[in-house]
Amino acid sequence: MKTNRLYLSLSIFCFFLLTACNSYKYGASDATQKSNLTFGVVKSKIEKGKTSQTEILQIFGAPNLTTKNRSNNEVWSYNKMSVSSKGGSSAFLDGGRASVSSSSQSFDLIITFDENDIVLDYSVISSSY
């Protein structure tokens, strides 16, 4: 009887231990929205001397940061970061090993407006690591 209780307790402990190893992916939900902040959208939608702040807001939404430069022009900054993971195994009991690689990408858009709230200039900075 005592052996059965020990076996049952050990089985329950192992079950919880193994299910606790299931990984959670931060931000991996069905509710995530795809961003318009891509080089293609920037290139096709922003035209220097023509695109207004209102149009930029409609395309990209509110900026992450709003500042003024030395010439007192308003500057809006947008940033998008993404992290992707590949590989991985948790089959330690089968003699496997865990291997996960991840890569990060950053996309920054900086827009300068003139005194009439029209795009004066913009720059895109994209990096992967």
N, C-alpha and C. Protein backbone atom coordinates (compact mmCIF):
# COMPACT_ATOMS: atom_id res chain seq x y z
N MET A 1 0.82 -1.19 0.00
CA MET A 1 0.00 0.00 0.00
C MET A 1 0.87 1.26 0.00
N LYS A 2 1.91 1.23 0.84
CA LYS A 2 2.80 2.36 0.93
C LYS A 2 3.56 2.56 -0.40
N THR A 3 3.91 1.48 -1.04
CA THR A 3 4.62 1.54 -2.33
C THR A 3 3.72 2.13 -3.40
N ASN A 4 2.45 1.79 -3.39
CA ASN A 4 1.50 2.33 -4.37
C ASN A 4 1.35 3.84 -4.21
N ARG A 5 1.28 4.32 -2.97
CA ARG A 5 1.18 5.76 -2.72
C ARG A 5 2.43 6.48 -3.19
N LEU A 6 3.58 5.90 -2.92
CA LEU A 6 4.84 6.49 -3.35
C LEU A 6 4.90 6.54 -4.87
N TYR A 7 4.50 5.45 -5.51
CA TYR A 7 4.50 5.38 -6.97
C TYR A 7 3.53 6.42 -7.56
N LEU A 8 2.35 6.54 -6.96
CA LEU A 8 1.36 7.51 -7.43
C LEU A 8 1.88 8.94 -7.24
N SER A 9 2.46 9.23 -6.10
CA SER A 9 3.01 10.57 -5.83
C SER A 9 4.14 10.89 -6.80
N LEU A 10 5.00 9.93 -7.05
CA LEU A 10 6.11 10.13 -7.98
C LEU A 10 5.58 10.34 -9.40
N SER A 11 4.57 9.61 -9.79
CA SER A 11 3.98 9.76 -11.12
C SER A 11 3.36 11.14 -11.30
N ILE A 12 2.64 11.60 -10.29
CA ILE A 12 2.03 12.94 -10.36
C ILE A 12 3.11 14.01 -10.42
N PHE A 13 4.15 13.87 -9.63
CA PHE A 13 5.26 14.82 -9.65
C PHE A 13 5.91 14.87 -11.03
N CYS A 14 6.19 13.71 -11.62
CA CYS A 14 6.80 13.66 -12.95
C CYS A 14 5.89 14.27 -14.01
N PHE A 15 4.60 14.02 -13.90
CA PHE A 15 3.64 14.60 -14.84
C PHE A 15 3.72 16.12 -14.81
N PHE A 16 3.67 16.70 -13.60
CA PHE A 16 3.74 18.15 -13.49
C PHE A 16 5.09 18.69 -13.91
N LEU A 17 6.14 17.98 -13.64
CA LEU A 17 7.47 18.40 -14.04
C LEU A 17 7.59 18.45 -15.56
N LEU A 18 7.10 17.42 -16.24
CA LEU A 18 7.19 17.38 -17.70
C LEU A 18 6.26 18.37 -18.37
N THR A 19 5.07 18.60 -17.84
CA THR A 19 4.16 19.57 -18.45
C THR A 19 4.62 20.99 -18.18
N ALA A 20 5.36 21.21 -17.13
CA ALA A 20 5.88 22.54 -16.84
C ALA A 20 6.98 22.93 -17.82
N CYS A 21 7.57 21.97 -18.50
CA CYS A 21 8.63 22.26 -19.47
C CYS A 21 8.08 22.76 -20.80
N ASN A 22 6.77 22.72 -20.96
CA ASN A 22 6.17 23.23 -22.19
C ASN A 22 6.46 24.72 -22.28
N SER A 23 6.95 25.19 -23.42
CA SER A 23 7.40 26.58 -23.52
C SER A 23 6.26 27.50 -23.89
N TYR A 24 6.37 28.73 -23.43
CA TYR A 24 5.43 29.79 -23.75
C TYR A 24 6.14 30.76 -24.67
N LYS A 25 5.51 31.09 -25.77
CA LYS A 25 6.11 32.05 -26.70
C LYS A 25 5.49 33.41 -26.44
N TYR A 26 6.30 34.34 -25.96
CA TYR A 26 5.82 35.68 -25.66
C TYR A 26 5.30 36.35 -26.92
N GLY A 27 4.11 36.88 -26.84
CA GLY A 27 3.51 37.59 -27.97
C GLY A 27 2.94 36.68 -29.03
N ALA A 28 2.97 35.37 -28.83
CA ALA A 28 2.46 34.44 -29.83
C ALA A 28 1.00 34.14 -29.56
N SER A 29 0.16 35.05 -29.97
CA SER A 29 -1.27 34.82 -29.83
C SER A 29 -1.95 35.14 -31.14
N ASP A 30 -3.16 34.67 -31.29
CA ASP A 30 -3.90 34.91 -32.51
C ASP A 30 -4.33 36.36 -32.63
N ALA A 31 -4.25 37.11 -31.54
CA ALA A 31 -4.73 38.49 -31.54
C ALA A 31 -3.69 39.48 -32.05
N THR A 32 -2.51 39.00 -32.44
CA THR A 32 -1.49 39.93 -32.91
C THR A 32 -1.90 40.51 -34.25
N GLN A 33 -1.58 41.79 -34.42
CA GLN A 33 -1.96 42.51 -35.62
C GLN A 33 -0.72 42.73 -36.47
N LYS A 34 -0.85 42.56 -37.75
CA LYS A 34 0.27 42.74 -38.66
C LYS A 34 0.56 44.24 -38.81
N SER A 35 1.82 44.60 -38.80
CA SER A 35 2.22 45.99 -38.86
C SER A 35 2.36 46.47 -40.30
N ASN A 36 1.99 47.74 -40.52
CA ASN A 36 2.21 48.38 -41.81
C ASN A 36 3.63 48.90 -41.94
N LEU A 37 4.40 48.81 -40.89
CA LEU A 37 5.74 49.37 -40.87
C LEU A 37 6.72 48.44 -41.58
N THR A 38 6.70 48.51 -42.91
CA THR A 38 7.62 47.74 -43.75
C THR A 38 8.24 48.68 -44.76
N PHE A 39 9.37 48.27 -45.33
CA PHE A 39 10.06 49.12 -46.30
C PHE A 39 9.17 49.36 -47.53
N GLY A 40 8.44 48.34 -47.96
CA GLY A 40 7.57 48.48 -49.13
C GLY A 40 6.48 49.51 -48.91
N VAL A 41 5.84 49.47 -47.75
CA VAL A 41 4.79 50.44 -47.45
C VAL A 41 5.37 51.85 -47.34
N VAL A 42 6.51 51.98 -46.67
CA VAL A 42 7.15 53.28 -46.53
C VAL A 42 7.45 53.86 -47.92
N LYS A 43 8.08 53.07 -48.76
CA LYS A 43 8.48 53.53 -50.10
C LYS A 43 7.28 53.89 -50.97
N SER A 44 6.20 53.14 -50.85
CA SER A 44 5.06 53.38 -51.73
C SER A 44 4.09 54.45 -51.21
N LYS A 45 4.09 54.71 -49.91
CA LYS A 45 3.09 55.63 -49.34
C LYS A 45 3.63 57.01 -48.98
N ILE A 46 4.93 57.12 -48.69
CA ILE A 46 5.47 58.41 -48.26
C ILE A 46 6.13 59.10 -49.45
N GLU A 47 5.69 60.33 -49.70
CA GLU A 47 6.28 61.12 -50.77
C GLU A 47 6.71 62.46 -50.19
N LYS A 48 8.00 62.74 -50.28
CA LYS A 48 8.54 63.99 -49.74
C LYS A 48 7.86 65.18 -50.41
N GLY A 49 7.46 66.16 -49.59
CA GLY A 49 6.82 67.37 -50.10
C GLY A 49 5.32 67.21 -50.36
N LYS A 50 4.75 66.01 -50.17
CA LYS A 50 3.33 65.79 -50.45
C LYS A 50 2.56 65.14 -49.30
N THR A 51 3.14 64.14 -48.66
CA THR A 51 2.42 63.37 -47.64
C THR A 51 2.29 64.19 -46.36
N SER A 52 1.07 64.25 -45.81
CA SER A 52 0.81 65.04 -44.60
C SER A 52 0.91 64.19 -43.33
N GLN A 53 0.95 64.88 -42.19
CA GLN A 53 0.96 64.17 -40.91
C GLN A 53 -0.30 63.33 -40.74
N THR A 54 -1.43 63.84 -41.18
CA THR A 54 -2.68 63.10 -41.08
C THR A 54 -2.61 61.79 -41.86
N GLU A 55 -2.04 61.83 -43.06
CA GLU A 55 -1.89 60.61 -43.86
C GLU A 55 -0.94 59.62 -43.19
N ILE A 56 0.14 60.13 -42.60
CA ILE A 56 1.09 59.27 -41.89
C ILE A 56 0.38 58.59 -40.71
N LEU A 57 -0.43 59.33 -39.98
CA LEU A 57 -1.18 58.76 -38.85
C LEU A 57 -2.14 57.67 -39.33
N GLN A 58 -2.77 57.87 -40.47
CA GLN A 58 -3.69 56.87 -41.01
C GLN A 58 -2.95 55.59 -41.42
N ILE A 59 -1.76 55.74 -41.94
CA ILE A 59 -1.00 54.59 -42.43
C ILE A 59 -0.34 53.82 -41.29
N PHE A 60 0.37 54.54 -40.42
CA PHE A 60 1.21 53.90 -39.40
C PHE A 60 0.69 54.03 -37.97
N GLY A 61 -0.31 54.88 -37.75
CA GLY A 61 -0.78 55.11 -36.39
C GLY A 61 0.10 56.13 -35.68
N ALA A 62 -0.07 56.21 -34.39
CA ALA A 62 0.70 57.17 -33.59
C ALA A 62 2.17 56.77 -33.54
N PRO A 63 3.07 57.75 -33.59
CA PRO A 63 4.51 57.45 -33.53
C PRO A 63 4.93 57.00 -32.14
N ASN A 64 6.06 56.27 -32.08
CA ASN A 64 6.62 55.87 -30.80
C ASN A 64 7.24 57.05 -30.06
N LEU A 65 7.76 58.01 -30.82
CA LEU A 65 8.46 59.15 -30.23
C LEU A 65 8.25 60.37 -31.12
N THR A 66 7.98 61.52 -30.50
CA THR A 66 7.84 62.79 -31.22
C THR A 66 8.81 63.78 -30.60
N THR A 67 9.65 64.40 -31.46
CA THR A 67 10.63 65.38 -30.98
C THR A 67 10.68 66.54 -31.98
N LYS A 68 11.55 67.50 -31.69
CA LYS A 68 11.83 68.61 -32.61
C LYS A 68 13.33 68.63 -32.86
N ASN A 69 13.72 68.94 -34.10
CA ASN A 69 15.15 69.01 -34.41
C ASN A 69 15.67 70.44 -34.22
N ARG A 70 16.91 70.69 -34.61
CA ARG A 70 17.54 72.01 -34.42
C ARG A 70 16.82 73.11 -35.19
N SER A 71 16.21 72.76 -36.30
CA SER A 71 15.48 73.73 -37.11
C SER A 71 14.04 73.91 -36.64
N ASN A 72 13.70 73.31 -35.51
CA ASN A 72 12.37 73.37 -34.91
C ASN A 72 11.31 72.64 -35.74
N ASN A 73 11.75 71.69 -36.58
CA ASN A 73 10.82 70.85 -37.34
C ASN A 73 10.42 69.67 -36.46
N GLU A 74 9.17 69.25 -36.59
CA GLU A 74 8.70 68.09 -35.84
C GLU A 74 9.25 66.82 -36.47
N VAL A 75 9.72 65.89 -35.62
CA VAL A 75 10.29 64.62 -36.07
C VAL A 75 9.55 63.49 -35.37
N TRP A 76 9.03 62.56 -36.18
CA TRP A 76 8.34 61.40 -35.65
C TRP A 76 9.19 60.17 -35.87
N SER A 77 9.23 59.31 -34.86
CA SER A 77 9.99 58.06 -34.96
C SER A 77 9.07 56.87 -34.71
N TYR A 78 9.21 55.88 -35.59
CA TYR A 78 8.49 54.61 -35.46
C TYR A 78 9.53 53.51 -35.33
N ASN A 79 9.21 52.49 -34.54
CA ASN A 79 10.12 51.37 -34.37
C ASN A 79 9.33 50.08 -34.32
N LYS A 80 9.85 49.07 -35.00
CA LYS A 80 9.26 47.73 -34.94
C LYS A 80 10.39 46.75 -34.71
N MET A 81 10.23 45.91 -33.70
CA MET A 81 11.22 44.86 -33.43
C MET A 81 10.52 43.52 -33.50
N SER A 82 11.23 42.53 -34.01
CA SER A 82 10.68 41.18 -34.03
C SER A 82 11.78 40.19 -33.71
N VAL A 83 11.40 39.14 -33.02
CA VAL A 83 12.32 38.08 -32.64
C VAL A 83 11.72 36.77 -33.12
N SER A 84 12.52 35.98 -33.80
CA SER A 84 12.03 34.67 -34.23
C SER A 84 12.97 33.59 -33.72
N SER A 85 12.38 32.49 -33.30
CA SER A 85 13.15 31.36 -32.80
C SER A 85 12.95 30.18 -33.73
N LYS A 86 14.02 29.42 -33.91
CA LYS A 86 13.96 28.23 -34.75
C LYS A 86 14.57 27.05 -34.02
N GLY A 87 14.04 25.89 -34.34
CA GLY A 87 14.59 24.67 -33.77
C GLY A 87 14.07 24.42 -32.38
N GLY A 88 14.75 23.56 -31.71
CA GLY A 88 14.40 23.26 -30.33
C GLY A 88 13.84 21.88 -30.16
N SER A 89 14.18 21.28 -29.07
CA SER A 89 13.68 19.96 -28.74
C SER A 89 13.71 19.82 -27.23
N SER A 90 12.69 19.19 -26.71
CA SER A 90 12.68 18.95 -25.27
C SER A 90 12.62 17.45 -24.99
N ALA A 91 13.11 16.67 -25.93
CA ALA A 91 13.07 15.21 -25.79
C ALA A 91 14.30 14.72 -25.03
N PHE A 92 14.50 15.25 -23.83
CA PHE A 92 15.66 14.86 -23.03
C PHE A 92 15.59 13.39 -22.64
N LEU A 93 14.38 12.90 -22.42
CA LEU A 93 14.22 11.51 -21.99
C LEU A 93 14.59 10.54 -23.10
N ASP A 94 14.49 10.97 -24.35
CA ASP A 94 14.85 10.12 -25.48
C ASP A 94 16.32 10.26 -25.87
N GLY A 95 17.06 11.01 -25.11
CA GLY A 95 18.47 11.20 -25.41
C GLY A 95 18.72 12.38 -26.33
N GLY A 96 17.67 13.14 -26.64
CA GLY A 96 17.83 14.31 -27.50
C GLY A 96 18.43 15.48 -26.75
N ARG A 97 18.74 16.52 -27.45
CA ARG A 97 19.27 17.70 -26.78
C ARG A 97 18.52 18.93 -27.27
N ALA A 98 18.47 19.92 -26.46
CA ALA A 98 17.75 21.14 -26.80
C ALA A 98 18.66 22.06 -27.60
N SER A 99 18.15 22.56 -28.70
CA SER A 99 18.91 23.54 -29.47
C SER A 99 17.93 24.53 -30.07
N VAL A 100 18.10 25.77 -29.69
CA VAL A 100 17.22 26.83 -30.17
C VAL A 100 18.09 27.98 -30.64
N SER A 101 17.79 28.47 -31.84
CA SER A 101 18.49 29.67 -32.31
C SER A 101 17.45 30.76 -32.51
N SER A 102 17.85 31.97 -32.25
CA SER A 102 16.92 33.08 -32.42
C SER A 102 17.60 34.20 -33.18
N SER A 103 16.80 34.98 -33.87
CA SER A 103 17.31 36.14 -34.58
C SER A 103 16.37 37.32 -34.31
N SER A 104 16.93 38.49 -34.29
CA SER A 104 16.16 39.70 -34.03
C SER A 104 16.28 40.63 -35.21
N GLN A 105 15.19 41.34 -35.47
CA GLN A 105 15.19 42.34 -36.54
C GLN A 105 14.61 43.63 -35.99
N SER A 106 15.21 44.73 -36.39
CA SER A 106 14.74 46.03 -35.96
C SER A 106 14.50 46.89 -37.20
N PHE A 107 13.39 47.61 -37.21
CA PHE A 107 13.05 48.49 -38.33
C PHE A 107 12.66 49.83 -37.74
N ASP A 108 13.40 50.88 -38.10
CA ASP A 108 13.14 52.23 -37.60
C ASP A 108 12.81 53.15 -38.76
N LEU A 109 11.78 53.97 -38.58
CA LEU A 109 11.38 54.97 -39.55
C LEU A 109 11.40 56.32 -38.85
N ILE A 110 12.14 57.27 -39.41
CA ILE A 110 12.24 58.61 -38.84
C ILE A 110 11.75 59.59 -39.90
N ILE A 111 10.71 60.35 -39.56
CA ILE A 111 10.08 61.28 -40.51
C ILE A 111 10.20 62.69 -39.98
N THR A 112 10.70 63.61 -40.82
CA THR A 112 10.79 65.02 -40.48
C THR A 112 9.73 65.78 -41.27
N PHE A 113 8.98 66.64 -40.56
CA PHE A 113 7.92 67.43 -41.19
C PHE A 113 8.33 68.89 -41.28
N ASP A 114 7.82 69.58 -42.31
CA ASP A 114 8.08 71.02 -42.44
C ASP A 114 7.09 71.80 -41.58
N GLU A 115 7.12 73.13 -41.70
CA GLU A 115 6.25 73.98 -40.87
C GLU A 115 4.77 73.83 -41.22
N ASN A 116 4.44 73.23 -42.38
CA ASN A 116 3.05 72.99 -42.78
C ASN A 116 2.60 71.55 -42.52
N ASP A 117 3.37 70.82 -41.73
CA ASP A 117 3.08 69.43 -41.38
C ASP A 117 3.07 68.48 -42.58
N ILE A 118 3.94 68.76 -43.54
CA ILE A 118 4.13 67.92 -44.73
C ILE A 118 5.51 67.26 -44.60
N VAL A 119 5.65 66.02 -45.09
CA VAL A 119 6.92 65.29 -44.99
C VAL A 119 8.02 66.06 -45.72
N LEU A 120 9.03 66.43 -44.96
CA LEU A 120 10.20 67.11 -45.51
C LEU A 120 11.24 66.07 -45.92
N ASP A 121 11.43 65.08 -45.05
CA ASP A 121 12.42 64.03 -45.30
C ASP A 121 12.07 62.83 -44.42
N TYR A 122 12.58 61.67 -44.79
CA TYR A 122 12.43 60.48 -43.96
C TYR A 122 13.64 59.56 -44.18
N SER A 123 13.89 58.72 -43.20
CA SER A 123 14.96 57.73 -43.32
C SER A 123 14.50 56.42 -42.69
N VAL A 124 15.02 55.34 -43.22
CA VAL A 124 14.71 54.00 -42.75
C VAL A 124 16.00 53.33 -42.32
N ILE A 125 15.98 52.74 -41.14
CA ILE A 125 17.13 52.00 -40.65
C ILE A 125 16.65 50.59 -40.32
N SER A 126 17.24 49.61 -40.97
CA SER A 126 16.86 48.22 -40.75
C SER A 126 18.09 47.42 -40.38
N SER A 127 17.98 46.61 -39.34
CA SER A 127 19.12 45.80 -38.94
C SER A 127 18.64 44.41 -38.48
N SER A 128 19.48 43.44 -38.69
CA SER A 128 19.21 42.08 -38.25
C SER A 128 20.42 41.58 -37.46
N TYR A 129 20.14 40.86 -36.40
CA TYR A 129 21.22 40.29 -35.58
C TYR A 129 20.75 39.08 -34.86
